[in-house]
Amino acid sequence: MRSTIQERPTTSALRFMCPGCERAHEVNIRLKNGASGPLWAWNGSLKLPTISPSILVTYNGPDAGVAGAPPSRCHSYLRDGMIQFLGDSTHSLSGKTAILPELKEEVA
């Protein structure tokens, strides 16, 4: 499976593995129980998902805080199961397009 739905009390989120960050990302596709917050449009496909608008994730990567390095950044579009990484991403796939990999569960 390339993506899955994570059900929570206030949201339904689409979860997928990012090959640039080597970790899963999630975006809200439905708000529940009067919740508010960001919401992405989704084409309904778990195999070849399309999400709109772009996805921006910031996190403390391996170099964050070292010699003043900022947090890592992943900025992408997900269209028909392909991830187009924008040039402001800080990982090695910046500016490239990759096939959405199989989703692997992360160990907590």
N, C-alpha and C. Protein backbone atom coordinates (compact mmCIF):
# COMPACT_ATOMS: atom_id res chain seq x y z
N MET A 1 0.85 -1.18 0.00
CA MET A 1 0.00 0.00 0.00
C MET A 1 0.89 1.24 0.00
N ARG A 2 0.54 2.22 -0.81
CA ARG A 2 1.34 3.44 -0.93
C ARG A 2 0.89 4.53 0.04
N SER A 3 -0.35 4.45 0.50
CA SER A 3 -0.84 5.40 1.50
C SER A 3 -1.96 4.73 2.27
N THR A 4 -2.30 5.32 3.39
CA THR A 4 -3.36 4.79 4.24
C THR A 4 -4.07 5.94 4.92
N ILE A 5 -5.23 5.66 5.46
CA ILE A 5 -5.99 6.67 6.20
C ILE A 5 -5.80 6.41 7.70
N GLN A 6 -5.44 7.45 8.42
CA GLN A 6 -5.32 7.40 9.87
C GLN A 6 -6.53 8.11 10.46
N GLU A 7 -7.35 7.38 11.19
CA GLU A 7 -8.53 7.96 11.82
C GLU A 7 -8.18 8.39 13.24
N ARG A 8 -8.51 9.63 13.55
CA ARG A 8 -8.30 10.19 14.88
C ARG A 8 -9.60 10.82 15.33
N PRO A 9 -9.73 11.19 16.60
CA PRO A 9 -10.99 11.77 17.07
C PRO A 9 -11.44 13.01 16.31
N THR A 10 -10.50 13.85 15.85
CA THR A 10 -10.91 15.10 15.20
C THR A 10 -10.53 15.19 13.73
N THR A 11 -9.78 14.20 13.20
CA THR A 11 -9.37 14.26 11.80
C THR A 11 -9.29 12.88 11.17
N SER A 12 -9.36 12.86 9.86
CA SER A 12 -8.93 11.72 9.05
C SER A 12 -7.73 12.25 8.28
N ALA A 13 -6.63 11.52 8.32
CA ALA A 13 -5.41 11.98 7.66
C ALA A 13 -4.91 10.94 6.67
N LEU A 14 -4.41 11.41 5.54
CA LEU A 14 -3.76 10.54 4.58
C LEU A 14 -2.29 10.45 4.99
N ARG A 15 -1.79 9.23 5.15
CA ARG A 15 -0.41 8.99 5.58
C ARG A 15 0.34 8.33 4.44
N PHE A 16 1.56 8.80 4.16
CA PHE A 16 2.37 8.23 3.09
C PHE A 16 3.85 8.36 3.46
N MET A 17 4.66 7.51 2.86
CA MET A 17 6.10 7.53 3.13
C MET A 17 6.79 8.50 2.18
N CYS A 18 7.63 9.36 2.73
CA CYS A 18 8.38 10.32 1.94
C CYS A 18 9.79 9.77 1.71
N PRO A 19 10.17 9.54 0.45
CA PRO A 19 11.52 9.02 0.20
C PRO A 19 12.62 10.05 0.43
N GLY A 20 12.28 11.33 0.44
CA GLY A 20 13.28 12.36 0.70
C GLY A 20 13.64 12.44 2.17
N CYS A 21 12.63 12.39 3.03
CA CYS A 21 12.85 12.48 4.48
C CYS A 21 13.07 11.12 5.12
N GLU A 22 12.69 10.06 4.40
CA GLU A 22 12.75 8.69 4.91
C GLU A 22 11.91 8.54 6.15
N ARG A 23 10.74 9.18 6.13
CA ARG A 23 9.78 9.07 7.23
C ARG A 23 8.39 9.34 6.66
N ALA A 24 7.38 8.97 7.42
CA ALA A 24 6.00 9.17 6.97
C ALA A 24 5.57 10.62 7.17
N HIS A 25 4.72 11.10 6.27
CA HIS A 25 4.07 12.40 6.39
C HIS A 25 2.56 12.16 6.39
N GLU A 26 1.82 13.09 6.99
CA GLU A 26 0.36 13.01 7.02
C GLU A 26 -0.21 14.37 6.71
N VAL A 27 -1.38 14.36 6.01
CA VAL A 27 -2.13 15.59 5.76
C VAL A 27 -3.60 15.31 6.07
N ASN A 28 -4.26 16.29 6.67
CA ASN A 28 -5.68 16.14 6.99
C ASN A 28 -6.51 16.18 5.72
N ILE A 29 -7.39 15.18 5.58
CA ILE A 29 -8.30 15.16 4.43
C ILE A 29 -9.76 15.32 4.87
N ARG A 30 -10.00 15.24 6.19
CA ARG A 30 -11.35 15.46 6.71
C ARG A 30 -11.24 15.89 8.16
N LEU A 31 -12.04 16.90 8.53
CA LEU A 31 -12.13 17.35 9.91
C LEU A 31 -13.42 16.80 10.50
N LYS A 32 -13.36 16.39 11.78
CA LYS A 32 -14.52 15.78 12.44
C LYS A 32 -14.83 16.50 13.75
N ASN A 33 -16.03 16.31 14.21
CA ASN A 33 -16.45 16.78 15.54
C ASN A 33 -16.19 18.27 15.76
N GLY A 34 -16.43 19.09 14.74
CA GLY A 34 -16.28 20.53 14.88
C GLY A 34 -14.85 21.02 14.90
N ALA A 35 -13.90 20.16 14.54
CA ALA A 35 -12.48 20.55 14.54
C ALA A 35 -12.21 21.59 13.47
N SER A 36 -11.16 22.36 13.68
CA SER A 36 -10.70 23.30 12.68
C SER A 36 -9.23 23.04 12.41
N GLY A 37 -8.74 23.54 11.30
CA GLY A 37 -7.34 23.36 10.97
C GLY A 37 -7.16 23.20 9.49
N PRO A 38 -5.91 22.99 9.06
CA PRO A 38 -5.64 22.87 7.62
C PRO A 38 -6.27 21.60 7.06
N LEU A 39 -6.67 21.69 5.80
CA LEU A 39 -7.34 20.58 5.13
C LEU A 39 -6.87 20.52 3.68
N TRP A 40 -6.54 19.32 3.21
CA TRP A 40 -6.08 19.12 1.83
C TRP A 40 -7.16 18.41 1.03
N ALA A 41 -7.26 18.75 -0.24
CA ALA A 41 -8.14 18.03 -1.15
C ALA A 41 -7.41 16.75 -1.55
N TRP A 42 -8.16 15.64 -1.69
CA TRP A 42 -7.59 14.33 -2.01
C TRP A 42 -8.44 13.68 -3.08
N ASN A 43 -7.82 12.99 -4.02
CA ASN A 43 -8.56 12.36 -5.11
C ASN A 43 -9.22 11.04 -4.74
N GLY A 44 -9.05 10.56 -3.51
CA GLY A 44 -9.70 9.33 -3.05
C GLY A 44 -8.91 8.06 -3.31
N SER A 45 -7.75 8.14 -3.97
CA SER A 45 -6.95 6.96 -4.28
C SER A 45 -5.88 6.73 -3.23
N LEU A 46 -5.79 5.50 -2.72
CA LEU A 46 -4.71 5.13 -1.80
C LEU A 46 -3.48 4.66 -2.58
N LYS A 47 -3.69 4.16 -3.81
CA LYS A 47 -2.58 3.66 -4.62
C LYS A 47 -1.86 4.77 -5.37
N LEU A 48 -2.62 5.71 -5.97
CA LEU A 48 -2.04 6.82 -6.72
C LEU A 48 -2.64 8.13 -6.23
N PRO A 49 -2.34 8.50 -4.99
CA PRO A 49 -2.98 9.70 -4.42
C PRO A 49 -2.51 11.00 -5.06
N THR A 50 -3.44 11.95 -5.10
CA THR A 50 -3.16 13.33 -5.47
C THR A 50 -3.67 14.19 -4.33
N ILE A 51 -2.84 15.11 -3.87
CA ILE A 51 -3.17 16.00 -2.76
C ILE A 51 -2.98 17.44 -3.24
N SER A 52 -3.86 18.32 -2.79
CA SER A 52 -3.73 19.74 -3.12
C SER A 52 -4.15 20.55 -1.90
N PRO A 53 -3.43 21.59 -1.53
CA PRO A 53 -2.27 22.20 -2.18
C PRO A 53 -0.98 21.45 -1.84
N SER A 54 0.15 22.12 -1.99
CA SER A 54 1.45 21.51 -1.70
C SER A 54 1.53 21.13 -0.21
N ILE A 55 2.52 20.30 0.09
CA ILE A 55 2.75 19.81 1.45
C ILE A 55 4.08 20.37 1.92
N LEU A 56 4.08 21.04 3.05
CA LEU A 56 5.30 21.60 3.64
C LEU A 56 5.48 21.00 5.02
N VAL A 57 6.60 20.32 5.21
CA VAL A 57 6.93 19.69 6.49
C VAL A 57 8.28 20.22 6.95
N THR A 58 8.35 20.68 8.18
CA THR A 58 9.64 21.05 8.77
C THR A 58 9.87 20.16 9.99
N TYR A 59 11.11 19.79 10.20
CA TYR A 59 11.44 18.89 11.30
C TYR A 59 12.92 19.05 11.62
N ASN A 60 13.32 18.59 12.79
CA ASN A 60 14.72 18.66 13.18
C ASN A 60 15.47 17.49 12.55
N GLY A 61 16.14 17.78 11.44
CA GLY A 61 16.92 16.78 10.73
C GLY A 61 18.28 16.59 11.39
N PRO A 62 19.14 15.81 10.78
CA PRO A 62 20.43 15.48 11.39
C PRO A 62 21.33 16.68 11.62
N ASP A 63 21.20 17.74 10.82
CA ASP A 63 22.08 18.89 10.96
C ASP A 63 21.44 20.06 11.69
N ALA A 64 20.16 19.95 12.07
CA ALA A 64 19.47 21.08 12.71
C ALA A 64 20.19 21.49 13.99
N GLY A 65 20.46 22.76 14.09
CA GLY A 65 21.11 23.30 15.28
C GLY A 65 22.63 23.19 15.27
N VAL A 66 23.20 22.45 14.32
CA VAL A 66 24.65 22.31 14.23
C VAL A 66 25.18 23.51 13.47
N ALA A 67 26.05 24.27 14.08
CA ALA A 67 26.64 25.47 13.47
C ALA A 67 25.56 26.39 12.92
N GLY A 68 24.44 26.47 13.65
CA GLY A 68 23.36 27.38 13.27
C GLY A 68 22.48 26.88 12.14
N ALA A 69 22.58 25.60 11.77
CA ALA A 69 21.75 25.06 10.68
C ALA A 69 20.27 25.11 11.07
N PRO A 70 19.41 25.50 10.13
CA PRO A 70 17.97 25.55 10.42
C PRO A 70 17.36 24.15 10.41
N PRO A 71 16.11 24.03 10.84
CA PRO A 71 15.43 22.74 10.75
C PRO A 71 15.36 22.28 9.29
N SER A 72 15.24 20.99 9.10
CA SER A 72 15.09 20.44 7.76
C SER A 72 13.72 20.80 7.22
N ARG A 73 13.61 20.82 5.89
CA ARG A 73 12.38 21.25 5.23
C ARG A 73 12.10 20.32 4.06
N CYS A 74 10.84 19.90 3.94
CA CYS A 74 10.39 19.08 2.82
C CYS A 74 9.16 19.76 2.24
N HIS A 75 9.25 20.19 0.99
CA HIS A 75 8.15 20.90 0.34
C HIS A 75 7.89 20.16 -0.97
N SER A 76 6.64 19.70 -1.15
CA SER A 76 6.36 18.85 -2.30
C SER A 76 4.92 18.95 -2.76
N TYR A 77 4.71 18.45 -3.97
CA TYR A 77 3.38 18.18 -4.51
C TYR A 77 3.26 16.67 -4.65
N LEU A 78 2.10 16.14 -4.35
CA LEU A 78 1.83 14.71 -4.53
C LEU A 78 0.74 14.59 -5.58
N ARG A 79 1.11 14.05 -6.75
CA ARG A 79 0.18 13.95 -7.88
C ARG A 79 0.27 12.58 -8.52
N ASP A 80 -0.87 11.89 -8.55
CA ASP A 80 -0.96 10.56 -9.18
C ASP A 80 0.15 9.63 -8.72
N GLY A 81 0.41 9.61 -7.42
CA GLY A 81 1.41 8.71 -6.86
C GLY A 81 2.85 9.12 -7.07
N MET A 82 3.08 10.32 -7.58
CA MET A 82 4.44 10.84 -7.78
C MET A 82 4.64 12.05 -6.86
N ILE A 83 5.80 12.11 -6.22
CA ILE A 83 6.13 13.24 -5.35
C ILE A 83 7.10 14.15 -6.09
N GLN A 84 6.68 15.38 -6.31
CA GLN A 84 7.54 16.39 -6.94
C GLN A 84 8.09 17.27 -5.83
N PHE A 85 9.37 17.14 -5.53
CA PHE A 85 10.00 17.91 -4.47
C PHE A 85 10.40 19.28 -5.00
N LEU A 86 10.02 20.29 -4.31
CA LEU A 86 10.35 21.66 -4.71
C LEU A 86 11.78 22.00 -4.30
N GLY A 87 12.33 23.01 -4.93
CA GLY A 87 13.73 23.38 -4.73
C GLY A 87 14.08 23.90 -3.35
N ASP A 88 13.06 24.24 -2.54
CA ASP A 88 13.37 24.71 -1.19
C ASP A 88 13.43 23.56 -0.18
N SER A 89 13.28 22.32 -0.63
CA SER A 89 13.47 21.17 0.26
C SER A 89 14.96 21.06 0.58
N THR A 90 15.27 20.57 1.77
CA THR A 90 16.68 20.52 2.19
C THR A 90 17.30 19.13 2.08
N HIS A 91 16.56 18.14 1.62
CA HIS A 91 17.11 16.79 1.49
C HIS A 91 17.64 16.54 0.08
N SER A 92 18.19 15.37 -0.15
CA SER A 92 18.86 15.06 -1.42
C SER A 92 17.92 14.96 -2.63
N LEU A 93 16.61 14.88 -2.43
CA LEU A 93 15.68 14.81 -3.55
C LEU A 93 15.11 16.17 -3.93
N SER A 94 15.65 17.23 -3.36
CA SER A 94 15.21 18.58 -3.70
C SER A 94 15.27 18.80 -5.21
N GLY A 95 14.16 19.29 -5.79
CA GLY A 95 14.11 19.56 -7.21
C GLY A 95 13.87 18.33 -8.08
N LYS A 96 13.66 17.16 -7.47
CA LYS A 96 13.47 15.92 -8.23
C LYS A 96 12.06 15.39 -8.04
N THR A 97 11.69 14.43 -8.86
CA THR A 97 10.40 13.75 -8.75
C THR A 97 10.65 12.28 -8.48
N ALA A 98 9.87 11.69 -7.57
CA ALA A 98 10.05 10.29 -7.20
C ALA A 98 8.70 9.58 -7.12
N ILE A 99 8.72 8.28 -7.34
CA ILE A 99 7.53 7.46 -7.18
C ILE A 99 7.24 7.30 -5.68
N LEU A 100 5.99 7.41 -5.32
CA LEU A 100 5.60 7.22 -3.93
C LEU A 100 5.91 5.77 -3.54
N PRO A 101 6.77 5.56 -2.53
CA PRO A 101 7.14 4.19 -2.15
C PRO A 101 6.04 3.51 -1.33
N GLU A 102 6.20 2.24 -1.14
CA GLU A 102 5.29 1.49 -0.27
C GLU A 102 5.41 2.09 1.14
N LEU A 103 4.28 2.16 1.82
CA LEU A 103 4.25 2.71 3.17
C LEU A 103 4.72 1.63 4.14
N LYS A 104 5.69 1.99 4.96
CA LYS A 104 6.21 1.08 5.99
C LYS A 104 5.85 1.67 7.33
N GLU A 105 5.41 0.83 8.21
CA GLU A 105 5.07 1.31 9.55
C GLU A 105 6.35 1.66 10.31
N GLU A 106 6.33 2.80 10.98
CA GLU A 106 7.48 3.22 11.76
C GLU A 106 7.40 2.63 13.15
N VAL A 107 8.54 2.29 13.70
CA VAL A 107 8.60 1.76 15.06
C VAL A 107 8.62 2.94 16.01
N ALA A 108 7.73 2.93 16.99
CA ALA A 108 7.65 4.04 17.95
C ALA A 108 8.73 3.94 18.99
